[in-house]
Each structure stands twice: as C-alpha cells, then as structure tokens.
C-alpha cells in the first residue's frame, strides 16, 4: 500500500519498515495510515462474505495505492467503472479511537506565476525581479483577513489560506524572470471555491497594478475539493456510532481541518463518507509511526457490526 515518505530515517528509534510489535505497539511507516485498516477491512469482508446470502445490498473493499500521490487513481477508476454501482456510503479506515470523522474542510489549490525583469544581478540598471514581486504577493496573502467562524454555523471551522511553496532562481548572478507560488485555501460551506478564486485574483490584480511586471500574473487552479459534513443521524456514520456504543466506546463526531479522500468522494456524486475511526496511534506521517493493538478487537467489532447493520434486510 502507498505510504508517506520515511523522512530522515536516522531520526527514527526503529526502522520505518520494521513491522515489529513491542509493548503492544505495531511499529512502522503506514501502520497507522493505513495498513492496519486495510488488513482489518479485508478480514471483515471475508467474514461477512460467508453470510452474504442472508444480507441485502453490496459490500466492496477498495485499497487505493495511488492516494499519497494526490492522484487517487484507484478511487477514481473505481467510481468511473460503469459496471460498478456508485456506493451509497463509504467508511475510510483512518486511525483514532476517540472520534468518528464526519466532515472536513475542502480545498482550492493554485499555482501563481509571477513575472519580473530578468538580468544580471550586478547591472547598474535597477530591476524588479520576479522574486521581489512574489514576495510582495506572499506578504499580501499573509495579510488577508478571512471570515471568522460564525458560532451559529454548524460547520465548526473557518476558512484558511496558506502559501506552501515558492520556486524561482538559481545561483547568485541572474535575476530570474519567473517565480511560481503555490497557494492552498481551505474551504467551508460559507467560503467556497468562488470566494477563494476571487480573493486570490483580487490580490494578484492589486500587485500587478501597484508593482507592474512585464506580464500579468497568471493563476493555474490545480485542485478543487468541496467541504463536506454528514448530518446528525446520517449513514454510514450513524451505524458506526450505534456499533461503538454497543461495544462500550463513545467516540465523538469530528469535522477535520485537513482535507481527506472524503472530500473527493463528496465531490463525486455527494457520496456520504466517514473519514476516520480506528485504533490509537502516534507519529502518523511523522517519526516513529505506530498503532496500539490492544484496541484492535474493539475497532474490528465496531466496523463489522456497523456493516452488518447497514446490510440487514429491510
């Protein structure tokens, strides 16, 4: 299964590929996100398949090895297959035993190409390079005041804008004529993709007006995912909460700040998604990733019972 990069392996206290179990913890990159869930879901499907003739509806397990690339080739291919029904609901096995993730902020991502005058850095002629103009753009974006969260809004998070990358230049003697800035805007139902697009265009237009360059600043939108949030009592989250309660667990609903594949699915026919309930974990995407196995039987039972509940004949 695809996983996040290891990072600095020398900083780990165990090998990222160890797979060792020590003091109840399964160690290694991907243990939390999401090899354990992949294995667990396969076992649940095999278990339930034995009683398929007593159930209604269908159950599929999708293991997408193109998720960490951001391309989601497996999920998109599955949804594009005309011979496969669009799922009525999806449960994603991200870890964390205290919460069922029922929503997440969306995203609007763009690459902004800022032009400038090229030339030798030692030239007597004053020039305004692309990096200087991009720096002004970044300052302006960092100064943007986004709408705060409205306490009356059931969606619990405000929008957010971040500059995540800046690429330009090489060496010392040349003033580059292009700088590309990556911008990530997190969306909410009250601040959507049209608001994000207008905000970034307004800022770039102001920079072009106040600090003109050789060419207008251009904006390439590279990804748009809508925010999503299941309503109280909506399936499949409701089935997870019922099963958790029967198992003696009491997870709370959570709307996540980071986006996840649930946003992608919500944008593909408004598929209802839960994007997390699983075993306790540490170090997801970071150092010393590991999951605690003692709670695995409880998590397994919750998912198995929830699936049986959803497939019970009317």
C-alpha atoms as a PDB file:
ATOM      1  CA  UNK A   1       0.000   0.000   0.000  1.00  0.00           C
ATOM      2  CA  UNK A   2       1.199   3.511  -0.653  1.00  0.00           C
ATOM      3  CA  UNK A   3       2.550   5.432   2.321  1.00  0.00           C
ATOM      4  CA  UNK A   4       4.046   8.769   3.272  1.00  0.00           C
ATOM      5  CA  UNK A   5       7.834   9.139   2.822  1.00  0.00           C
ATOM      6  CA  UNK A   6      10.087   8.000   5.665  1.00  0.00           C
ATOM      7  CA  UNK A   7      11.841  11.354   6.077  1.00  0.00           C
ATOM      8  CA  UNK A   8      15.149  11.228   7.976  1.00  0.00           C
ATOM      9  CA  UNK A   9      15.445   7.524   8.791  1.00  0.00           C
ATOM     10  CA  UNK A  10      18.310   8.227  11.210  1.00  0.00           C
ATOM     11  CA  UNK A  11      15.877  10.146  13.425  1.00  0.00           C
ATOM     12  CA  UNK A  12      13.608   7.119  13.895  1.00  0.00           C
ATOM     13  CA  UNK A  13      14.101   4.988  17.011  1.00  0.00           C
ATOM     14  CA  UNK A  14      13.150   1.903  14.983  1.00  0.00           C
ATOM     15  CA  UNK A  15      13.234   1.037  11.282  1.00  0.00           C
ATOM     16  CA  UNK A  16      10.346   2.532   9.302  1.00  0.00           C
ATOM     17  CA  UNK A  17       9.847  -0.895   7.713  1.00  0.00           C
ATOM     18  CA  UNK A  18      10.301  -2.981  10.860  1.00  0.00           C
ATOM     19  CA  UNK A  19       6.734  -4.204  11.410  1.00  0.00           C
ATOM     20  CA  UNK A  20       7.786  -5.180  14.938  1.00  0.00           C
ATOM     21  CA  UNK A  21       5.332  -5.397  17.808  1.00  0.00           C
ATOM     22  CA  UNK A  22       6.706  -4.124  21.113  1.00  0.00           C
ATOM     23  CA  UNK A  23       4.771  -3.432  24.308  1.00  0.00           C
ATOM     24  CA  UNK A  24       1.524  -3.725  22.374  1.00  0.00           C
ATOM     25  CA  UNK A  25       2.530  -1.264  19.623  1.00  0.00           C
ATOM     26  CA  UNK A  26       2.887  -2.197  15.943  1.00  0.00           C
ATOM     27  CA  UNK A  27       5.809  -0.143  14.591  1.00  0.00           C
ATOM     28  CA  UNK A  28       6.466   1.160  11.091  1.00  0.00           C
ATOM     29  CA  UNK A  29       5.528   3.655   8.408  1.00  0.00           C
ATOM     30  CA  UNK A  30       1.981   3.052   7.248  1.00  0.00           C
ATOM     31  CA  UNK A  31       0.920   1.167  10.367  1.00  0.00           C
ATOM     32  CA  UNK A  32      -1.480   3.992  11.200  1.00  0.00           C
ATOM     33  CA  UNK A  33      -2.152   5.278   7.675  1.00  0.00           C
ATOM     34  CA  UNK A  34      -3.486   2.813   6.833  1.00  0.00           C
ATOM     35  CA  UNK A  35      -2.101  -0.706   6.545  1.00  0.00           C
ATOM     36  CA  UNK A  36      -3.791  -1.939   9.704  1.00  0.00           C
ATOM     37  CA  UNK A  37      -7.177  -0.731   8.492  1.00  0.00           C
ATOM     38  CA  UNK A  38      -6.595  -2.310   5.067  1.00  0.00           C
ATOM     39  CA  UNK A  39      -5.914  -5.679   6.701  1.00  0.00           C
ATOM     40  CA  UNK A  40      -8.850  -5.292   9.081  1.00  0.00           C
ATOM     41  CA  UNK A  41     -11.298  -4.412   6.290  1.00  0.00           C
ATOM     42  CA  UNK A  42     -10.174  -7.408   4.235  1.00  0.00           C
ATOM     43  CA  UNK A  43     -10.826  -9.730   7.187  1.00  0.00           C
ATOM     44  CA  UNK A  44     -14.255  -8.163   7.800  1.00  0.00           C
ATOM     45  CA  UNK A  45     -15.207  -8.595   4.149  1.00  0.00           C
ATOM     46  CA  UNK A  46     -14.093 -12.238   4.180  1.00  0.00           C
ATOM     47  CA  UNK A  47     -16.023 -12.859   7.375  1.00  0.00           C
ATOM     48  CA  UNK A  48     -19.218 -11.235   6.120  1.00  0.00           C
ATOM     49  CA  UNK A  49     -18.975 -12.900   2.702  1.00  0.00           C
ATOM     50  CA  UNK A  50     -19.702 -16.213   4.373  1.00  0.00           C
ATOM     51  CA  UNK A  51     -23.215 -14.966   5.220  1.00  0.00           C
ATOM     52  CA  UNK A  52     -23.819 -12.909   2.069  1.00  0.00           C
ATOM     53  CA  UNK A  53     -26.990 -14.844   1.184  1.00  0.00           C
ATOM     54  CA  UNK A  54     -28.609 -13.518   4.361  1.00  0.00           C
ATOM     55  CA  UNK A  55     -27.798  -9.845   3.623  1.00  0.00           C
ATOM     56  CA  UNK A  56     -29.076  -7.130   1.311  1.00  0.00           C
ATOM     57  CA  UNK A  57     -27.084  -4.674  -0.764  1.00  0.00           C
ATOM     58  CA  UNK A  58     -23.401  -4.961  -1.557  1.00  0.00           C
ATOM     59  CA  UNK A  59     -20.036  -4.504   0.102  1.00  0.00           C
ATOM     60  CA  UNK A  60     -16.764  -3.586  -1.604  1.00  0.00           C
ATOM     61  CA  UNK A  61     -13.239  -3.095  -0.257  1.00  0.00           C
ATOM     62  CA  UNK A  62     -11.102  -0.606  -2.187  1.00  0.00           C
ATOM     63  CA  UNK A  63      -7.361  -0.430  -1.496  1.00  0.00           C
ATOM     64  CA  UNK A  64      -6.033   2.608  -3.398  1.00  0.00           C
ATOM     65  CA  UNK A  65      -2.264   2.558  -3.965  1.00  0.00           C
ATOM     66  CA  UNK A  66      -2.403   5.988  -5.653  1.00  0.00           C
ATOM     67  CA  UNK A  67      -3.626   8.027  -2.679  1.00  0.00           C
ATOM     68  CA  UNK A  68      -0.489   9.648  -1.270  1.00  0.00           C
ATOM     69  CA  UNK A  69       0.384  10.949  -4.726  1.00  0.00           C
ATOM     70  CA  UNK A  70      -2.783  13.027  -4.584  1.00  0.00           C
ATOM     71  CA  UNK A  71      -3.965  11.466  -7.856  1.00  0.00           C
ATOM     72  CA  UNK A  72      -6.391   8.954  -6.270  1.00  0.00           C
ATOM     73  CA  UNK A  73      -6.209   6.810  -9.398  1.00  0.00           C
ATOM     74  CA  UNK A  74      -7.689   3.764  -7.701  1.00  0.00           C
ATOM     75  CA  UNK A  75     -10.747   5.514  -6.271  1.00  0.00           C
ATOM     76  CA  UNK A  76     -11.379   7.495  -9.447  1.00  0.00           C
ATOM     77  CA  UNK A  77     -11.068   4.377 -11.629  1.00  0.00           C
ATOM     78  CA  UNK A  78     -13.469   2.530  -9.353  1.00  0.00           C
ATOM     79  CA  UNK A  79     -16.050   5.322  -9.491  1.00  0.00           C
ATOM     80  CA  UNK A  80     -15.677   5.665 -13.264  1.00  0.00           C
ATOM     81  CA  UNK A  81     -16.405   1.973 -13.922  1.00  0.00           C
ATOM     82  CA  UNK A  82     -19.925   1.842 -15.418  1.00  0.00           C
ATOM     83  CA  UNK A  83     -20.375  -1.746 -14.247  1.00  0.00           C
ATOM     84  CA  UNK A  84     -19.941  -0.824 -10.561  1.00  0.00           C
ATOM     85  CA  UNK A  85     -22.810   0.883  -8.710  1.00  0.00           C
ATOM     86  CA  UNK A  86     -21.963   4.203  -7.074  1.00  0.00           C
ATOM     87  CA  UNK A  87     -21.610   3.415  -3.351  1.00  0.00           C
ATOM     88  CA  UNK A  88     -24.350   4.648  -1.057  1.00  0.00           C
ATOM     89  CA  UNK A  89     -21.754   5.281   1.634  1.00  0.00           C
ATOM     90  CA  UNK A  90     -18.059   4.857   2.351  1.00  0.00           C
ATOM     91  CA  UNK A  91     -16.104   4.242   5.545  1.00  0.00           C
ATOM     92  CA  UNK A  92     -12.383   5.087   5.427  1.00  0.00           C
ATOM     93  CA  UNK A  93     -10.128   3.440   7.985  1.00  0.00           C
ATOM     94  CA  UNK A  94      -8.035   6.351   9.208  1.00  0.00           C
ATOM     95  CA  UNK A  95      -6.970   5.784  12.854  1.00  0.00           C
ATOM     96  CA  UNK A  96      -8.092   7.390  16.106  1.00  0.00           C
ATOM     97  CA  UNK A  97     -10.422   5.738  18.591  1.00  0.00           C
ATOM     98  CA  UNK A  98     -11.883   8.868  20.203  1.00  0.00           C
ATOM     99  CA  UNK A  99     -13.531  10.325  17.091  1.00  0.00           C
ATOM    100  CA  UNK A 100     -15.548   9.464  14.025  1.00  0.00           C
ATOM    101  CA  UNK A 101     -14.597  11.986  11.339  1.00  0.00           C
ATOM    102  CA  UNK A 102     -17.855  13.063   9.696  1.00  0.00           C
ATOM    103  CA  UNK A 103     -16.600  16.035   7.690  1.00  0.00           C
ATOM    104  CA  UNK A 104     -13.672  18.098   6.560  1.00  0.00           C
ATOM    105  CA  UNK A 105     -12.750  21.451   5.085  1.00  0.00           C
ATOM    106  CA  UNK A 106     -12.442  21.477   1.320  1.00  0.00           C
ATOM    107  CA  UNK A 107      -9.565  22.942  -0.651  1.00  0.00           C
ATOM    108  CA  UNK A 108      -8.779  25.240  -3.566  1.00  0.00           C
ATOM    109  CA  UNK A 109      -5.180  24.992  -4.758  1.00  0.00           C
ATOM    110  CA  UNK A 110      -3.445  27.080  -7.357  1.00  0.00           C
ATOM    111  CA  UNK A 111      -0.006  27.836  -8.762  1.00  0.00           C
ATOM    112  CA  UNK A 112       0.546  31.553  -9.306  1.00  0.00           C
ATOM    113  CA  UNK A 113       3.176  32.558 -11.882  1.00  0.00           C
ATOM    114  CA  UNK A 114       4.708  35.960 -11.136  1.00  0.00           C
ATOM    115  CA  UNK A 115       6.852  37.630 -13.816  1.00  0.00           C
ATOM    116  CA  UNK A 116       9.743  40.043 -13.360  1.00  0.00           C
ATOM    117  CA  UNK A 117      12.564  41.647 -15.268  1.00  0.00           C
ATOM    118  CA  UNK A 118      15.461  39.345 -15.959  1.00  0.00           C
ATOM    119  CA  UNK A 119      19.046  40.490 -15.973  1.00  0.00           C
ATOM    120  CA  UNK A 120      22.409  40.386 -14.250  1.00  0.00           C
ATOM    121  CA  UNK A 121      22.314  40.975 -10.526  1.00  0.00           C
ATOM    122  CA  UNK A 122      25.295  43.315 -10.849  1.00  0.00           C
ATOM    123  CA  UNK A 123      23.737  45.532 -13.502  1.00  0.00           C
ATOM    124  CA  UNK A 124      23.680  49.272 -12.859  1.00  0.00           C
ATOM    125  CA  UNK A 125      20.109  49.393 -14.175  1.00  0.00           C
ATOM    126  CA  UNK A 126      17.550  48.939 -11.364  1.00  0.00           C
ATOM    127  CA  UNK A 127      15.272  45.956 -11.923  1.00  0.00           C
ATOM    128  CA  UNK A 128      12.300  44.498 -10.133  1.00  0.00           C
ATOM    129  CA  UNK A 129      12.745  40.747 -10.232  1.00  0.00           C
ATOM    130  CA  UNK A 130      10.082  38.078 -10.099  1.00  0.00           C
ATOM    131  CA  UNK A 131      11.138  37.046  -6.606  1.00  0.00           C
ATOM    132  CA  UNK A 132      10.632  40.554  -5.251  1.00  0.00           C
ATOM    133  CA  UNK A 133       7.167  40.747  -6.786  1.00  0.00           C
ATOM    134  CA  UNK A 134       6.330  37.280  -5.477  1.00  0.00           C
ATOM    135  CA  UNK A 135       7.486  38.309  -2.001  1.00  0.00           C
ATOM    136  CA  UNK A 136       5.060  41.220  -2.132  1.00  0.00           C
ATOM    137  CA  UNK A 137       2.324  38.816  -3.207  1.00  0.00           C
ATOM    138  CA  UNK A 138       3.088  36.462  -0.329  1.00  0.00           C
ATOM    139  CA  UNK A 139       3.021  39.345   2.148  1.00  0.00           C
ATOM    140  CA  UNK A 140      -0.360  40.424   0.796  1.00  0.00           C
ATOM    141  CA  UNK A 141      -1.765  36.898   1.050  1.00  0.00           C
ATOM    142  CA  UNK A 142      -0.460  36.537   4.606  1.00  0.00           C
ATOM    143  CA  UNK A 143      -2.236  39.792   5.478  1.00  0.00           C
ATOM    144  CA  UNK A 144      -5.632  38.686   4.159  1.00  0.00           C
ATOM    145  CA  UNK A 145      -8.312  38.596   6.851  1.00  0.00           C
ATOM    146  CA  UNK A 146     -10.686  35.721   6.187  1.00  0.00           C
ATOM    147  CA  UNK A 147     -14.194  35.482   7.638  1.00  0.00           C
ATOM    148  CA  UNK A 148     -14.139  34.173  11.227  1.00  0.00           C
ATOM    149  CA  UNK A 149     -16.163  31.188  12.284  1.00  0.00           C
ATOM    150  CA  UNK A 150     -19.798  32.040  12.959  1.00  0.00           C
ATOM    151  CA  UNK A 151     -20.892  30.376  16.233  1.00  0.00           C
ATOM    152  CA  UNK A 152     -24.311  29.816  14.655  1.00  0.00           C
ATOM    153  CA  UNK A 153     -22.798  27.897  11.737  1.00  0.00           C
ATOM    154  CA  UNK A 154     -22.997  24.107  12.251  1.00  0.00           C
ATOM    155  CA  UNK A 155     -19.737  23.742  10.313  1.00  0.00           C
ATOM    156  CA  UNK A 156     -17.215  24.276  13.131  1.00  0.00           C
ATOM    157  CA  UNK A 157     -14.138  25.575  11.273  1.00  0.00           C
ATOM    158  CA  UNK A 158     -13.205  28.827   9.497  1.00  0.00           C
ATOM    159  CA  UNK A 159     -11.504  29.044   6.085  1.00  0.00           C
ATOM    160  CA  UNK A 160      -7.710  29.275   5.906  1.00  0.00           C
ATOM    161  CA  UNK A 161      -5.162  30.412   3.301  1.00  0.00           C
ATOM    162  CA  UNK A 162      -1.532  29.245   3.200  1.00  0.00           C
ATOM    163  CA  UNK A 163       1.421  29.794   0.880  1.00  0.00           C
ATOM    164  CA  UNK A 164       3.029  26.364   0.681  1.00  0.00           C
ATOM    165  CA  UNK A 165       5.809  26.678  -1.928  1.00  0.00           C
ATOM    166  CA  UNK A 166       7.859  29.287  -3.779  1.00  0.00           C
ATOM    167  CA  UNK A 167      10.160  28.335  -6.673  1.00  0.00           C
ATOM    168  CA  UNK A 168      12.495  30.633  -8.593  1.00  0.00           C
ATOM    169  CA  UNK A 169      16.069  31.414  -9.465  1.00  0.00           C
ATOM    170  CA  UNK A 170      19.375  29.605  -9.437  1.00  0.00           C
ATOM    171  CA  UNK A 171      22.704  30.834  -8.111  1.00  0.00           C
ATOM    172  CA  UNK A 172      23.523  34.479  -7.463  1.00  0.00           C
ATOM    173  CA  UNK A 173      24.274  36.360 -10.670  1.00  0.00           C
ATOM    174  CA  UNK A 174      20.950  36.177 -12.537  1.00  0.00           C
ATOM    175  CA  UNK A 175      17.702  37.953 -11.696  1.00  0.00           C
ATOM    176  CA  UNK A 176      15.009  35.384 -12.620  1.00  0.00           C
ATOM    177  CA  UNK A 177      12.046  36.435 -14.743  1.00  0.00           C
ATOM    178  CA  UNK A 178       9.587  33.946 -13.209  1.00  0.00           C
ATOM    179  CA  UNK A 179       8.588  32.882  -9.708  1.00  0.00           C
ATOM    180  CA  UNK A 180       5.880  30.278  -9.085  1.00  0.00           C
ATOM    181  CA  UNK A 181       3.981  30.397  -5.791  1.00  0.00           C
ATOM    182  CA  UNK A 182       1.733  27.569  -4.556  1.00  0.00           C
ATOM    183  CA  UNK A 183      -1.361  28.596  -2.639  1.00  0.00           C
ATOM    184  CA  UNK A 184      -3.632  26.347  -0.560  1.00  0.00           C
ATOM    185  CA  UNK A 185      -7.038  27.685   0.544  1.00  0.00           C
ATOM    186  CA  UNK A 186      -9.151  25.571   2.896  1.00  0.00           C
ATOM    187  CA  UNK A 187     -12.849  25.908   2.111  1.00  0.00           C
ATOM    188  CA  UNK A 188     -16.003  25.830   4.218  1.00  0.00           C
ATOM    189  CA  UNK A 189     -19.670  25.860   3.182  1.00  0.00           C
ATOM    190  CA  UNK A 190     -19.693  29.629   3.856  1.00  0.00           C
ATOM    191  CA  UNK A 191     -16.425  30.271   1.953  1.00  0.00           C
ATOM    192  CA  UNK A 192     -16.314  28.220  -1.218  1.00  0.00           C
ATOM    193  CA  UNK A 193     -14.238  27.931  -4.358  1.00  0.00           C
ATOM    194  CA  UNK A 194     -15.675  31.079  -5.945  1.00  0.00           C
ATOM    195  CA  UNK A 195     -14.687  33.071  -2.851  1.00  0.00           C
ATOM    196  CA  UNK A 196     -11.173  31.600  -2.921  1.00  0.00           C
ATOM    197  CA  UNK A 197     -10.763  32.334  -6.624  1.00  0.00           C
ATOM    198  CA  UNK A 198     -11.955  35.936  -6.209  1.00  0.00           C
ATOM    199  CA  UNK A 199      -9.698  36.502  -3.211  1.00  0.00           C
ATOM    200  CA  UNK A 200      -6.541  35.333  -4.986  1.00  0.00           C
ATOM    201  CA  UNK A 201      -7.425  37.192  -8.201  1.00  0.00           C
ATOM    202  CA  UNK A 202      -8.076  40.406  -6.239  1.00  0.00           C
ATOM    203  CA  UNK A 203      -4.689  40.153  -4.516  1.00  0.00           C
ATOM    204  CA  UNK A 204      -2.770  39.416  -7.727  1.00  0.00           C
ATOM    205  CA  UNK A 205      -4.584  42.204  -9.595  1.00  0.00           C
ATOM    206  CA  UNK A 206      -3.576  44.640  -6.853  1.00  0.00           C
ATOM    207  CA  UNK A 207       0.074  43.558  -7.092  1.00  0.00           C
ATOM    208  CA  UNK A 208       0.023  43.947 -10.894  1.00  0.00           C
ATOM    209  CA  UNK A 209      -1.474  47.408 -10.517  1.00  0.00           C
ATOM    210  CA  UNK A 210       0.792  48.684  -7.730  1.00  0.00           C
ATOM    211  CA  UNK A 211       4.002  46.902  -8.757  1.00  0.00           C
ATOM    212  CA  UNK A 212       3.714  46.219 -12.512  1.00  0.00           C
ATOM    213  CA  UNK A 213       5.672  43.428 -14.137  1.00  0.00           C
ATOM    214  CA  UNK A 214       6.480  42.552 -17.747  1.00  0.00           C
ATOM    215  CA  UNK A 215       3.438  40.241 -17.931  1.00  0.00           C
ATOM    216  CA  UNK A 216       0.222  39.907 -15.925  1.00  0.00           C
ATOM    217  CA  UNK A 217       0.320  37.417 -13.093  1.00  0.00           C
ATOM    218  CA  UNK A 218      -1.321  34.133 -14.107  1.00  0.00           C
ATOM    219  CA  UNK A 219      -3.223  31.669 -11.915  1.00  0.00           C
ATOM    220  CA  UNK A 220      -3.459  27.925 -12.620  1.00  0.00           C
ATOM    221  CA  UNK A 221      -6.031  26.110 -10.496  1.00  0.00           C
ATOM    222  CA  UNK A 222      -4.737  22.595  -9.833  1.00  0.00           C
ATOM    223  CA  UNK A 223      -7.317  21.113  -7.428  1.00  0.00           C
ATOM    224  CA  UNK A 224     -10.751  21.895  -6.018  1.00  0.00           C
ATOM    225  CA  UNK A 225     -12.468  19.737  -3.399  1.00  0.00           C
ATOM    226  CA  UNK A 226     -15.695  20.743  -1.660  1.00  0.00           C
ATOM    227  CA  UNK A 227     -16.086  20.733   2.111  1.00  0.00           C
ATOM    228  CA  UNK A 228     -18.355  18.020   3.475  1.00  0.00           C
ATOM    229  CA  UNK A 229     -20.147  17.257   6.712  1.00  0.00           C
ATOM    230  CA  UNK A 230     -22.622  14.498   7.433  1.00  0.00           C
ATOM    231  CA  UNK A 231     -25.787  15.458   9.251  1.00  0.00           C
ATOM    232  CA  UNK A 232     -26.598  14.016  12.706  1.00  0.00           C
ATOM    233  CA  UNK A 233     -28.019  10.546  12.255  1.00  0.00           C
ATOM    234  CA  UNK A 234     -26.837  10.226   8.648  1.00  0.00           C
ATOM    235  CA  UNK A 235     -25.471   6.884   7.485  1.00  0.00           C
ATOM    236  CA  UNK A 236     -22.910   5.395   7.492  1.00  0.00           C
ATOM    237  CA  UNK A 237     -21.773   7.488  10.491  1.00  0.00           C
ATOM    238  CA  UNK A 238     -24.894   6.618  12.467  1.00  0.00           C
ATOM    239  CA  UNK A 239     -24.153   2.890  12.104  1.00  0.00           C
ATOM    240  CA  UNK A 240     -20.620   3.427  13.438  1.00  0.00           C
ATOM    241  CA  UNK A 241     -21.887   5.373  16.435  1.00  0.00           C
ATOM    242  CA  UNK A 242     -24.512   2.711  17.224  1.00  0.00           C
ATOM    243  CA  UNK A 243     -21.956  -0.080  16.983  1.00  0.00           C
ATOM    244  CA  UNK A 244     -19.417   1.830  19.056  1.00  0.00           C
ATOM    245  CA  UNK A 245     -21.971   2.410  21.808  1.00  0.00           C
ATOM    246  CA  UNK A 246     -22.891  -1.287  21.831  1.00  0.00           C
ATOM    247  CA  UNK A 247     -19.172  -2.106  22.167  1.00  0.00           C
ATOM    248  CA  UNK A 248     -18.732   0.242  25.135  1.00  0.00           C
ATOM    249  CA  UNK A 249     -16.971   3.014  23.206  1.00  0.00           C
ATOM    250  CA  UNK A 250     -18.109   6.622  22.985  1.00  0.00           C
ATOM    251  CA  UNK A 251     -16.384   8.381  20.078  1.00  0.00           C
ATOM    252  CA  UNK A 252     -17.417  11.943  19.293  1.00  0.00           C
ATOM    253  CA  UNK A 253     -18.155  13.325  15.821  1.00  0.00           C
ATOM    254  CA  UNK A 254     -15.401  15.476  14.346  1.00  0.00           C
ATOM    255  CA  UNK A 255     -15.115  17.769  11.354  1.00  0.00           C
ATOM    256  CA  UNK A 256     -11.451  17.726  10.360  1.00  0.00           C
ATOM    257  CA  UNK A 257      -9.325  20.718   9.431  1.00  0.00           C
ATOM    258  CA  UNK A 258      -7.162  18.821   6.917  1.00  0.00           C
ATOM    259  CA  UNK A 259      -8.928  17.571   3.811  1.00  0.00           C
ATOM    260  CA  UNK A 260      -9.010  13.869   3.006  1.00  0.00           C
ATOM    261  CA  UNK A 261     -10.306  11.468   0.399  1.00  0.00           C
ATOM    262  CA  UNK A 262     -13.729  12.009   1.920  1.00  0.00           C
ATOM    263  CA  UNK A 263     -13.743  15.421   0.201  1.00  0.00           C
ATOM    264  CA  UNK A 264     -13.007  13.741  -3.130  1.00  0.00           C
ATOM    265  CA  UNK A 265     -15.849  11.272  -2.647  1.00  0.00           C
ATOM    266  CA  UNK A 266     -18.237  14.010  -1.513  1.00  0.00           C
ATOM    267  CA  UNK A 267     -17.499  15.782  -4.766  1.00  0.00           C
ATOM    268  CA  UNK A 268     -18.137  12.608  -6.801  1.00  0.00           C
ATOM    269  CA  UNK A 269     -21.903  12.354  -6.588  1.00  0.00           C
ATOM    270  CA  UNK A 270     -22.157  13.574  -2.985  1.00  0.00           C
ATOM    271  CA  UNK A 271     -21.197  10.183  -1.526  1.00  0.00           C
ATOM    272  CA  UNK A 272     -21.657  10.041   2.262  1.00  0.00           C
ATOM    273  CA  UNK A 273     -18.280   9.372   3.917  1.00  0.00           C
ATOM    274  CA  UNK A 274     -16.773   8.779   7.318  1.00  0.00           C
ATOM    275  CA  UNK A 275     -13.054   9.505   7.221  1.00  0.00           C
ATOM    276  CA  UNK A 276     -11.702   8.086  10.396  1.00  0.00           C
ATOM    277  CA  UNK A 277     -12.300   5.759  13.294  1.00  0.00           C
ATOM    278  CA  UNK A 278      -9.665   3.279  14.279  1.00  0.00           C
ATOM    279  CA  UNK A 279      -7.037   2.249  16.786  1.00  0.00           C
ATOM    280  CA  UNK A 280      -4.954   4.747  18.818  1.00  0.00           C
ATOM    281  CA  UNK A 281      -1.836   5.914  17.000  1.00  0.00           C
ATOM    282  CA  UNK A 282       1.285   8.059  17.154  1.00  0.00           C
ATOM    283  CA  UNK A 283       3.569   9.579  14.525  1.00  0.00           C
ATOM    284  CA  UNK A 284       1.233   9.478  11.536  1.00  0.00           C
ATOM    285  CA  UNK A 285       3.232  10.961   8.603  1.00  0.00           C
ATOM    286  CA  UNK A 286       5.991  11.723  11.138  1.00  0.00           C
ATOM    287  CA  UNK A 287       8.687   9.951  13.120  1.00  0.00           C
ATOM    288  CA  UNK A 288       8.123   6.585  14.807  1.00  0.00           C
ATOM    289  CA  UNK A 289       4.689   5.880  13.354  1.00  0.00           C
ATOM    290  CA  UNK A 290       2.923   3.169  15.347  1.00  0.00           C
ATOM    291  CA  UNK A 291      -0.510   1.895  16.395  1.00  0.00           C
ATOM    292  CA  UNK A 292      -1.705   0.326  19.646  1.00  0.00           C
ATOM    293  CA  UNK A 293      -3.077  -3.166  19.075  1.00  0.00           C
ATOM    294  CA  UNK A 294      -4.973  -3.735  22.306  1.00  0.00           C
ATOM    295  CA  UNK A 295      -7.991  -1.829  20.973  1.00  0.00           C
ATOM    296  CA  UNK A 296      -7.987  -3.601  17.592  1.00  0.00           C
ATOM    297  CA  UNK A 297     -10.626  -6.215  18.595  1.00  0.00           C
ATOM    298  CA  UNK A 298     -12.993  -3.415  19.668  1.00  0.00           C
ATOM    299  CA  UNK A 299     -12.461  -1.454  16.438  1.00  0.00           C
ATOM    300  CA  UNK A 300     -12.906  -4.624  14.372  1.00  0.00           C
ATOM    301  CA  UNK A 301     -16.153  -5.387  16.186  1.00  0.00           C
ATOM    302  CA  UNK A 302     -17.483  -1.864  15.633  1.00  0.00           C
ATOM    303  CA  UNK A 303     -16.875  -1.909  11.887  1.00  0.00           C
ATOM    304  CA  UNK A 304     -18.161  -5.461  11.477  1.00  0.00           C
ATOM    305  CA  UNK A 305     -21.341  -4.688  13.391  1.00  0.00           C
ATOM    306  CA  UNK A 306     -21.847  -1.406  11.516  1.00  0.00           C
ATOM    307  CA  UNK A 307     -21.544  -3.159   8.135  1.00  0.00           C
ATOM    308  CA  UNK A 308     -23.982  -5.909   9.179  1.00  0.00           C
ATOM    309  CA  UNK A 309     -26.383  -3.217  10.409  1.00  0.00           C
ATOM    310  CA  UNK A 310     -26.215  -1.406   7.070  1.00  0.00           C
ATOM    311  CA  UNK A 311     -26.688  -4.644   5.078  1.00  0.00           C
ATOM    312  CA  UNK A 312     -29.520  -6.034   7.209  1.00  0.00           C
ATOM    313  CA  UNK A 313     -32.556  -6.826   5.013  1.00  0.00           C
ATOM    314  CA  UNK A 314     -35.422  -4.351   5.427  1.00  0.00           C
END
